[in-house]
Amino acid sequence: EAFRNQLREEIGKYYEQESRNRLHNDIFELLVHETPIELPASFLKKWIQTGSEKPKTAEEAEKEYPQFDHQLRWTLISDKLIRENDIRVSAEEVRENAKNRLLSYYGLGAGAQDTEWMEGYLDRLLQDEKYLDQTYRELLTQKLFDWAETRIKIKEQEVSLEEFNHL
């Protein structure tokens, strides 16, 4: 019975996170598609053709443009929301997130004691600019979605697992 309860709890956590991911995706899509932004499409397509190390054909640029447009809109919208609402991530939050990932990776609980090797490993990990930037951006995006959740009216709806997977 204890095993079943633990399993039920873990499955519940998983689907709670999945439903939250779905909500964040819906917020993302709504903002990208409903925020009016005029972009210079012909200029951007030309830039896609010539702006990288390997030049692209007009057909390649045309094919890549919708995804580029989508991402550029999100970047402009999210940057403005972050700036206007003073959403920030501290160095301590980045370090704490890295530590929690490290603990999770090694199968240690959040209550595990800090050790010398862990602190040294964290220090080296946080020297990696790519890792640091990725972690910072993930935390900033999470805070942006947390902020957005407080600004919208959420209509909860129970659905079957099959209906949820279809969404």
N, C-alpha and C. Protein backbone atom coordinates (compact mmCIF):
# COMPACT_ATOMS: atom_id res chain seq x y z
N GLU A 1 0.83 -1.20 0.00
CA GLU A 1 0.00 0.00 0.00
C GLU A 1 0.87 1.26 0.00
N ALA A 2 1.96 1.22 0.79
CA ALA A 2 2.86 2.36 0.83
C ALA A 2 3.50 2.59 -0.54
N PHE A 3 3.85 1.48 -1.19
CA PHE A 3 4.43 1.59 -2.53
C PHE A 3 3.43 2.22 -3.51
N ARG A 4 2.20 1.77 -3.46
CA ARG A 4 1.16 2.32 -4.34
C ARG A 4 0.94 3.81 -4.08
N ASN A 5 0.94 4.19 -2.81
CA ASN A 5 0.76 5.60 -2.47
C ASN A 5 1.93 6.43 -2.98
N GLN A 6 3.16 5.92 -2.81
CA GLN A 6 4.34 6.62 -3.29
C GLN A 6 4.30 6.75 -4.81
N LEU A 7 3.92 5.67 -5.47
CA LEU A 7 3.82 5.67 -6.93
C LEU A 7 2.76 6.67 -7.39
N ARG A 8 1.62 6.67 -6.73
CA ARG A 8 0.55 7.60 -7.06
C ARG A 8 1.02 9.05 -6.89
N GLU A 9 1.76 9.30 -5.82
CA GLU A 9 2.29 10.64 -5.56
C GLU A 9 3.28 11.06 -6.64
N GLU A 10 4.19 10.17 -7.03
CA GLU A 10 5.18 10.48 -8.06
C GLU A 10 4.52 10.72 -9.41
N ILE A 11 3.54 9.92 -9.75
CA ILE A 11 2.82 10.11 -11.01
C ILE A 11 2.06 11.43 -10.97
N GLY A 12 1.48 11.77 -9.84
CA GLY A 12 0.78 13.04 -9.68
C GLY A 12 1.72 14.22 -9.88
N LYS A 13 2.93 14.13 -9.30
CA LYS A 13 3.92 15.20 -9.48
C LYS A 13 4.31 15.35 -10.95
N TYR A 14 4.47 14.22 -11.61
CA TYR A 14 4.84 14.25 -13.02
C TYR A 14 3.78 14.97 -13.84
N TYR A 15 2.52 14.60 -13.65
CA TYR A 15 1.46 15.22 -14.44
C TYR A 15 1.16 16.65 -14.02
N GLU A 16 1.43 16.98 -12.78
CA GLU A 16 1.32 18.37 -12.35
C GLU A 16 2.33 19.22 -13.11
N GLN A 17 3.56 18.72 -13.24
CA GLN A 17 4.59 19.44 -13.99
C GLN A 17 4.24 19.49 -15.47
N GLU A 18 3.72 18.42 -16.01
CA GLU A 18 3.33 18.40 -17.41
C GLU A 18 2.20 19.39 -17.70
N SER A 19 1.24 19.49 -16.79
CA SER A 19 0.15 20.45 -17.00
C SER A 19 0.66 21.89 -16.90
N ARG A 20 1.62 22.10 -16.03
CA ARG A 20 2.22 23.44 -15.91
C ARG A 20 3.02 23.77 -17.17
N ASN A 21 3.74 22.79 -17.71
CA ASN A 21 4.45 23.00 -18.97
C ASN A 21 3.47 23.35 -20.08
N ARG A 22 2.33 22.68 -20.09
CA ARG A 22 1.30 22.95 -21.09
C ARG A 22 0.78 24.38 -20.94
N LEU A 23 0.55 24.81 -19.71
CA LEU A 23 0.10 26.18 -19.46
C LEU A 23 1.13 27.18 -19.96
N HIS A 24 2.38 26.94 -19.67
CA HIS A 24 3.45 27.84 -20.11
C HIS A 24 3.51 27.90 -21.63
N ASN A 25 3.34 26.77 -22.28
CA ASN A 25 3.33 26.75 -23.73
C ASN A 25 2.15 27.55 -24.27
N ASP A 26 0.99 27.40 -23.64
CA ASP A 26 -0.19 28.17 -24.07
C ASP A 26 0.04 29.67 -23.90
N ILE A 27 0.66 30.06 -22.80
CA ILE A 27 0.98 31.48 -22.56
C ILE A 27 1.93 31.97 -23.64
N PHE A 28 2.97 31.18 -23.90
CA PHE A 28 3.96 31.52 -24.93
C PHE A 28 3.29 31.73 -26.28
N GLU A 29 2.48 30.78 -26.70
CA GLU A 29 1.82 30.86 -28.01
C GLU A 29 0.85 32.03 -28.06
N LEU A 30 0.12 32.26 -27.01
CA LEU A 30 -0.82 33.38 -26.97
C LEU A 30 -0.08 34.71 -27.13
N LEU A 31 0.99 34.88 -26.37
CA LEU A 31 1.75 36.12 -26.46
C LEU A 31 2.37 36.31 -27.84
N VAL A 32 2.94 35.26 -28.39
CA VAL A 32 3.60 35.36 -29.69
C VAL A 32 2.60 35.66 -30.81
N HIS A 33 1.44 35.02 -30.75
CA HIS A 33 0.48 35.17 -31.86
C HIS A 33 -0.49 36.33 -31.69
N GLU A 34 -0.67 36.80 -30.46
CA GLU A 34 -1.66 37.85 -30.24
C GLU A 34 -1.05 39.23 -29.96
N THR A 35 0.26 39.30 -29.84
CA THR A 35 0.90 40.59 -29.62
C THR A 35 1.26 41.18 -30.98
N PRO A 36 0.69 42.33 -31.30
CA PRO A 36 0.98 42.91 -32.62
C PRO A 36 2.40 43.50 -32.68
N ILE A 37 3.20 42.92 -33.55
CA ILE A 37 4.56 43.40 -33.79
C ILE A 37 4.78 43.36 -35.30
N GLU A 38 5.18 44.48 -35.85
CA GLU A 38 5.50 44.53 -37.28
C GLU A 38 7.00 44.27 -37.43
N LEU A 39 7.33 43.20 -38.13
CA LEU A 39 8.74 42.89 -38.38
C LEU A 39 9.05 43.07 -39.86
N PRO A 40 10.24 43.52 -40.18
CA PRO A 40 10.63 43.71 -41.60
C PRO A 40 11.00 42.35 -42.23
N ALA A 41 10.01 41.62 -42.68
CA ALA A 41 10.19 40.25 -43.14
C ALA A 41 11.22 40.14 -44.27
N SER A 42 11.15 40.99 -45.27
CA SER A 42 12.08 40.86 -46.39
C SER A 42 13.52 41.09 -45.93
N PHE A 43 13.73 42.08 -45.05
CA PHE A 43 15.06 42.34 -44.50
C PHE A 43 15.55 41.14 -43.70
N LEU A 44 14.69 40.59 -42.85
CA LEU A 44 15.09 39.46 -42.01
C LEU A 44 15.39 38.21 -42.82
N LYS A 45 14.64 37.99 -43.88
CA LYS A 45 14.92 36.84 -44.75
C LYS A 45 16.28 37.01 -45.43
N LYS A 46 16.57 38.22 -45.84
CA LYS A 46 17.87 38.51 -46.45
C LYS A 46 18.99 38.31 -45.41
N TRP A 47 18.73 38.74 -44.20
CA TRP A 47 19.71 38.58 -43.12
C TRP A 47 19.94 37.09 -42.83
N ILE A 48 18.87 36.29 -42.85
CA ILE A 48 19.03 34.84 -42.65
C ILE A 48 19.93 34.27 -43.75
N GLN A 49 19.78 34.76 -44.97
CA GLN A 49 20.60 34.29 -46.09
C GLN A 49 22.07 34.62 -45.91
N THR A 50 22.36 35.83 -45.44
CA THR A 50 23.75 36.29 -45.46
C THR A 50 24.39 36.44 -44.08
N GLY A 51 23.61 36.30 -43.02
CA GLY A 51 24.11 36.61 -41.68
C GLY A 51 24.88 35.52 -40.98
N SER A 52 24.99 34.35 -41.56
CA SER A 52 25.72 33.29 -40.88
C SER A 52 27.00 32.96 -41.64
N GLU A 53 27.80 32.08 -41.07
CA GLU A 53 29.07 31.72 -41.70
C GLU A 53 28.86 31.12 -43.08
N LYS A 54 27.82 30.30 -43.18
CA LYS A 54 27.54 29.64 -44.45
C LYS A 54 26.31 30.30 -45.07
N PRO A 55 26.49 31.00 -46.19
CA PRO A 55 25.33 31.65 -46.84
C PRO A 55 24.26 30.63 -47.22
N LYS A 56 23.01 31.10 -47.22
CA LYS A 56 21.88 30.23 -47.53
C LYS A 56 21.18 30.74 -48.78
N THR A 57 20.46 29.84 -49.39
CA THR A 57 19.69 30.23 -50.58
C THR A 57 18.42 30.94 -50.12
N ALA A 58 17.78 31.61 -51.07
CA ALA A 58 16.51 32.28 -50.77
C ALA A 58 15.47 31.27 -50.31
N GLU A 59 15.49 30.08 -50.90
CA GLU A 59 14.54 29.03 -50.51
C GLU A 59 14.78 28.57 -49.07
N GLU A 60 16.04 28.41 -48.71
CA GLU A 60 16.37 28.01 -47.34
C GLU A 60 15.93 29.08 -46.35
N ALA A 61 16.18 30.34 -46.70
CA ALA A 61 15.79 31.44 -45.82
C ALA A 61 14.27 31.49 -45.68
N GLU A 62 13.58 31.29 -46.77
CA GLU A 62 12.10 31.29 -46.76
C GLU A 62 11.58 30.16 -45.86
N LYS A 63 12.22 29.02 -45.93
CA LYS A 63 11.81 27.86 -45.12
C LYS A 63 12.09 28.10 -43.64
N GLU A 64 13.22 28.74 -43.31
CA GLU A 64 13.61 28.98 -41.92
C GLU A 64 12.88 30.17 -41.29
N TYR A 65 12.37 31.06 -42.12
CA TYR A 65 11.83 32.30 -41.60
C TYR A 65 10.69 32.13 -40.58
N PRO A 66 9.70 31.26 -40.80
CA PRO A 66 8.61 31.18 -39.81
C PRO A 66 9.11 30.87 -38.39
N GLN A 67 10.04 29.95 -38.26
CA GLN A 67 10.57 29.62 -36.94
C GLN A 67 11.38 30.79 -36.38
N PHE A 68 12.16 31.43 -37.23
CA PHE A 68 12.94 32.60 -36.82
C PHE A 68 12.01 33.72 -36.35
N ASP A 69 10.96 33.97 -37.11
CA ASP A 69 9.97 35.01 -36.77
C ASP A 69 9.33 34.71 -35.41
N HIS A 70 8.95 33.48 -35.22
CA HIS A 70 8.32 33.04 -33.97
C HIS A 70 9.25 33.31 -32.79
N GLN A 71 10.51 32.91 -32.92
CA GLN A 71 11.47 33.06 -31.83
C GLN A 71 11.81 34.53 -31.60
N LEU A 72 11.95 35.30 -32.67
CA LEU A 72 12.26 36.72 -32.53
C LEU A 72 11.12 37.45 -31.81
N ARG A 73 9.89 37.12 -32.15
CA ARG A 73 8.74 37.74 -31.47
C ARG A 73 8.79 37.42 -29.98
N TRP A 74 9.07 36.15 -29.64
CA TRP A 74 9.13 35.77 -28.24
C TRP A 74 10.24 36.54 -27.52
N THR A 75 11.39 36.65 -28.16
CA THR A 75 12.51 37.36 -27.54
C THR A 75 12.14 38.81 -27.27
N LEU A 76 11.53 39.48 -28.23
CA LEU A 76 11.14 40.88 -28.05
C LEU A 76 10.09 41.03 -26.95
N ILE A 77 9.09 40.16 -26.94
CA ILE A 77 8.02 40.22 -25.94
C ILE A 77 8.56 39.91 -24.55
N SER A 78 9.28 38.81 -24.44
CA SER A 78 9.77 38.40 -23.11
C SER A 78 10.76 39.42 -22.55
N ASP A 79 11.65 39.94 -23.39
CA ASP A 79 12.60 40.95 -22.91
C ASP A 79 11.86 42.18 -22.38
N LYS A 80 10.82 42.60 -23.07
CA LYS A 80 10.06 43.77 -22.63
C LYS A 80 9.35 43.48 -21.30
N LEU A 81 8.72 42.31 -21.18
CA LEU A 81 8.02 41.96 -19.94
C LEU A 81 9.00 41.85 -18.77
N ILE A 82 10.15 41.27 -19.01
CA ILE A 82 11.17 41.13 -17.96
C ILE A 82 11.65 42.51 -17.50
N ARG A 83 11.91 43.37 -18.46
CA ARG A 83 12.39 44.72 -18.15
C ARG A 83 11.32 45.53 -17.40
N GLU A 84 10.09 45.54 -17.94
CA GLU A 84 9.02 46.35 -17.36
C GLU A 84 8.58 45.87 -15.97
N ASN A 85 8.77 44.60 -15.70
CA ASN A 85 8.32 44.05 -14.42
C ASN A 85 9.48 43.73 -13.49
N ASP A 86 10.67 44.19 -13.86
CA ASP A 86 11.85 44.06 -13.02
C ASP A 86 12.06 42.62 -12.54
N ILE A 87 11.97 41.69 -13.46
CA ILE A 87 12.18 40.28 -13.14
C ILE A 87 13.68 40.02 -13.22
N ARG A 88 14.22 39.51 -12.13
CA ARG A 88 15.67 39.32 -12.03
C ARG A 88 16.01 37.93 -11.47
N VAL A 89 17.22 37.51 -11.77
CA VAL A 89 17.77 36.27 -11.24
C VAL A 89 19.11 36.63 -10.61
N SER A 90 19.28 36.25 -9.36
CA SER A 90 20.53 36.56 -8.65
C SER A 90 21.57 35.46 -8.88
N ALA A 91 22.80 35.81 -8.62
CA ALA A 91 23.89 34.83 -8.72
C ALA A 91 23.66 33.68 -7.73
N GLU A 92 23.09 34.00 -6.57
CA GLU A 92 22.81 32.97 -5.57
C GLU A 92 21.74 32.00 -6.08
N GLU A 93 20.75 32.51 -6.79
CA GLU A 93 19.72 31.63 -7.34
C GLU A 93 20.31 30.70 -8.41
N VAL A 94 21.22 31.21 -9.21
CA VAL A 94 21.88 30.38 -10.22
C VAL A 94 22.69 29.29 -9.53
N ARG A 95 23.44 29.66 -8.50
CA ARG A 95 24.26 28.70 -7.77
C ARG A 95 23.38 27.64 -7.10
N GLU A 96 22.29 28.06 -6.49
CA GLU A 96 21.38 27.13 -5.81
C GLU A 96 20.76 26.15 -6.81
N ASN A 97 20.38 26.66 -7.98
CA ASN A 97 19.81 25.80 -9.02
C ASN A 97 20.84 24.78 -9.49
N ALA A 98 22.08 25.23 -9.71
CA ALA A 98 23.15 24.33 -10.13
C ALA A 98 23.40 23.27 -9.07
N LYS A 99 23.37 23.67 -7.82
CA LYS A 99 23.58 22.73 -6.71
C LYS A 99 22.46 21.69 -6.68
N ASN A 100 21.22 22.13 -6.84
CA ASN A 100 20.10 21.19 -6.82
C ASN A 100 20.18 20.21 -7.99
N ARG A 101 20.61 20.69 -9.15
CA ARG A 101 20.79 19.79 -10.30
C ARG A 101 21.88 18.77 -10.00
N LEU A 102 22.95 19.24 -9.40
CA LEU A 102 24.06 18.35 -9.05
C LEU A 102 23.60 17.28 -8.06
N LEU A 103 22.89 17.70 -7.04
CA LEU A 103 22.38 16.75 -6.05
C LEU A 103 21.45 15.73 -6.70
N SER A 104 20.59 16.22 -7.58
CA SER A 104 19.66 15.34 -8.28
C SER A 104 20.40 14.35 -9.17
N TYR A 105 21.42 14.84 -9.87
CA TYR A 105 22.20 14.00 -10.76
C TYR A 105 22.84 12.84 -10.00
N TYR A 106 23.36 13.13 -8.82
CA TYR A 106 24.01 12.10 -8.03
C TYR A 106 23.04 11.36 -7.11
N GLY A 107 21.76 11.64 -7.22
CA GLY A 107 20.75 10.94 -6.44
C GLY A 107 20.75 11.32 -4.98
N LEU A 108 21.25 12.50 -4.66
CA LEU A 108 21.27 12.97 -3.28
C LEU A 108 20.07 13.87 -3.05
N GLY A 109 19.51 13.84 -1.89
CA GLY A 109 18.37 14.69 -1.57
C GLY A 109 18.77 16.12 -1.36
N ALA A 110 17.76 17.01 -1.38
CA ALA A 110 18.01 18.44 -1.19
C ALA A 110 18.64 18.72 0.17
N GLY A 111 18.46 17.82 1.11
CA GLY A 111 19.00 18.03 2.45
C GLY A 111 20.43 17.55 2.61
N ALA A 112 21.03 17.07 1.52
CA ALA A 112 22.40 16.57 1.61
C ALA A 112 23.34 17.70 2.04
N GLN A 113 24.31 17.34 2.83
CA GLN A 113 25.26 18.32 3.36
C GLN A 113 26.22 18.78 2.27
N ASP A 114 26.55 20.07 2.32
CA ASP A 114 27.56 20.59 1.41
C ASP A 114 28.89 19.95 1.78
N THR A 115 29.61 19.56 0.77
CA THR A 115 30.93 18.98 1.00
C THR A 115 31.93 19.78 0.18
N GLU A 116 33.19 19.58 0.50
CA GLU A 116 34.24 20.31 -0.20
C GLU A 116 34.24 20.00 -1.69
N TRP A 117 34.05 18.72 -2.04
CA TRP A 117 34.06 18.35 -3.45
C TRP A 117 32.89 19.00 -4.18
N MET A 118 31.74 19.09 -3.50
CA MET A 118 30.56 19.67 -4.13
C MET A 118 30.77 21.16 -4.40
N GLU A 119 31.31 21.87 -3.43
CA GLU A 119 31.57 23.29 -3.60
C GLU A 119 32.59 23.53 -4.71
N GLY A 120 33.62 22.71 -4.75
CA GLY A 120 34.62 22.83 -5.81
C GLY A 120 34.04 22.54 -7.18
N TYR A 121 33.22 21.51 -7.24
CA TYR A 121 32.57 21.15 -8.49
C TYR A 121 31.64 22.26 -8.96
N LEU A 122 30.87 22.81 -8.02
CA LEU A 122 29.97 23.93 -8.36
C LEU A 122 30.77 25.13 -8.87
N ASP A 123 31.86 25.44 -8.22
CA ASP A 123 32.70 26.57 -8.64
C ASP A 123 33.18 26.37 -10.07
N ARG A 124 33.65 25.16 -10.39
CA ARG A 124 34.13 24.87 -11.75
C ARG A 124 32.97 24.91 -12.74
N LEU A 125 31.84 24.36 -12.36
CA LEU A 125 30.67 24.33 -13.23
C LEU A 125 30.22 25.74 -13.57
N LEU A 126 30.24 26.62 -12.58
CA LEU A 126 29.78 27.98 -12.79
C LEU A 126 30.82 28.86 -13.49
N GLN A 127 31.99 28.33 -13.76
CA GLN A 127 32.99 29.02 -14.57
C GLN A 127 32.68 28.85 -16.06
N ASP A 128 31.89 27.83 -16.39
CA ASP A 128 31.51 27.55 -17.77
C ASP A 128 30.44 28.55 -18.20
N GLU A 129 30.84 29.49 -19.07
CA GLU A 129 29.92 30.56 -19.47
C GLU A 129 28.65 30.02 -20.13
N LYS A 130 28.79 28.98 -20.92
CA LYS A 130 27.62 28.41 -21.61
C LYS A 130 26.63 27.86 -20.58
N TYR A 131 27.13 27.11 -19.61
CA TYR A 131 26.27 26.55 -18.57
C TYR A 131 25.64 27.66 -17.74
N LEU A 132 26.44 28.63 -17.39
CA LEU A 132 25.98 29.76 -16.58
C LEU A 132 24.86 30.52 -17.30
N ASP A 133 25.09 30.82 -18.57
CA ASP A 133 24.10 31.55 -19.36
C ASP A 133 22.82 30.74 -19.52
N GLN A 134 22.96 29.45 -19.80
CA GLN A 134 21.78 28.59 -19.98
C GLN A 134 20.97 28.52 -18.69
N THR A 135 21.63 28.34 -17.56
CA THR A 135 20.94 28.26 -16.28
C THR A 135 20.27 29.57 -15.95
N TYR A 136 20.97 30.68 -16.18
CA TYR A 136 20.40 32.00 -15.93
C TYR A 136 19.14 32.20 -16.77
N ARG A 137 19.22 31.88 -18.06
CA ARG A 137 18.08 32.07 -18.95
C ARG A 137 16.89 31.18 -18.57
N GLU A 138 17.18 29.95 -18.17
CA GLU A 138 16.11 29.05 -17.74
C GLU A 138 15.40 29.61 -16.51
N LEU A 139 16.17 30.08 -15.55
CA LEU A 139 15.57 30.65 -14.33
C LEU A 139 14.79 31.92 -14.64
N LEU A 140 15.32 32.76 -15.51
CA LEU A 140 14.64 33.99 -15.89
C LEU A 140 13.32 33.68 -16.60
N THR A 141 13.35 32.72 -17.50
CA THR A 141 12.13 32.31 -18.20
C THR A 141 11.12 31.73 -17.23
N GLN A 142 11.58 30.92 -16.29
CA GLN A 142 10.68 30.35 -15.28
C GLN A 142 10.03 31.46 -14.46
N LYS A 143 10.82 32.45 -14.06
CA LYS A 143 10.26 33.56 -13.29
C LYS A 143 9.27 34.36 -14.13
N LEU A 144 9.54 34.51 -15.41
CA LEU A 144 8.61 35.22 -16.30
C LEU A 144 7.28 34.47 -16.37
N PHE A 145 7.32 33.16 -16.52
CA PHE A 145 6.08 32.38 -16.58
C PHE A 145 5.37 32.38 -15.23
N ASP A 146 6.12 32.33 -14.14
CA ASP A 146 5.50 32.43 -12.81
C ASP A 146 4.77 33.76 -12.67
N TRP A 147 5.41 34.84 -13.13
CA TRP A 147 4.78 36.16 -13.11
C TRP A 147 3.52 36.16 -13.98
N ALA A 148 3.62 35.60 -15.18
CA ALA A 148 2.48 35.58 -16.10
C ALA A 148 1.30 34.80 -15.52
N GLU A 149 1.59 33.73 -14.80
CA GLU A 149 0.52 32.94 -14.19
C GLU A 149 -0.30 33.77 -13.21
N THR A 150 0.32 34.75 -12.58
CA THR A 150 -0.40 35.59 -11.61
C THR A 150 -1.25 36.64 -12.32
N ARG A 151 -1.06 36.81 -13.62
CA ARG A 151 -1.77 37.86 -14.36
C ARG A 151 -2.91 37.32 -15.22
N ILE A 152 -3.08 36.02 -15.25
CA ILE A 152 -4.13 35.45 -16.09
C ILE A 152 -5.12 34.68 -15.24
N LYS A 153 -6.30 34.53 -15.79
CA LYS A 153 -7.33 33.73 -15.11
C LYS A 153 -7.24 32.32 -15.68
N ILE A 154 -6.93 31.39 -14.81
CA ILE A 154 -6.75 30.01 -15.23
C ILE A 154 -8.04 29.25 -14.98
N LYS A 155 -8.49 28.59 -16.02
CA LYS A 155 -9.69 27.76 -15.91
C LYS A 155 -9.23 26.31 -15.83
N GLU A 156 -9.35 25.74 -14.64
CA GLU A 156 -8.93 24.35 -14.48
C GLU A 156 -9.99 23.44 -15.04
N GLN A 157 -9.53 22.38 -15.68
CA GLN A 157 -10.45 21.43 -16.30
C GLN A 157 -9.86 20.04 -16.16
N GLU A 158 -10.63 19.13 -15.62
CA GLU A 158 -10.16 17.75 -15.52
C GLU A 158 -10.36 17.06 -16.85
N VAL A 159 -9.33 16.38 -17.27
CA VAL A 159 -9.39 15.61 -18.52
C VAL A 159 -8.78 14.25 -18.28
N SER A 160 -9.13 13.31 -19.14
CA SER A 160 -8.55 11.98 -19.02
C SER A 160 -7.10 12.03 -19.49
N LEU A 161 -6.35 11.00 -19.17
CA LEU A 161 -4.96 10.93 -19.59
C LEU A 161 -4.87 10.97 -21.11
N GLU A 162 -5.77 10.28 -21.76
CA GLU A 162 -5.77 10.26 -23.23
C GLU A 162 -6.04 11.67 -23.79
N GLU A 163 -6.99 12.38 -23.22
CA GLU A 163 -7.29 13.75 -23.67
C GLU A 163 -6.09 14.67 -23.42
N PHE A 164 -5.45 14.50 -22.26
CA PHE A 164 -4.29 15.33 -21.94
C PHE A 164 -3.17 15.08 -22.93
N ASN A 165 -2.90 13.82 -23.21
CA ASN A 165 -1.83 13.48 -24.16
C ASN A 165 -2.14 14.01 -25.55
N HIS A 166 -3.41 14.06 -25.90
CA HIS A 166 -3.81 14.59 -27.20
C HIS A 166 -3.56 16.10 -27.27
N LEU A 167 -3.74 16.79 -26.15
CA LEU A 167 -3.48 18.23 -26.12
C LEU A 167 -2.03 18.52 -26.45
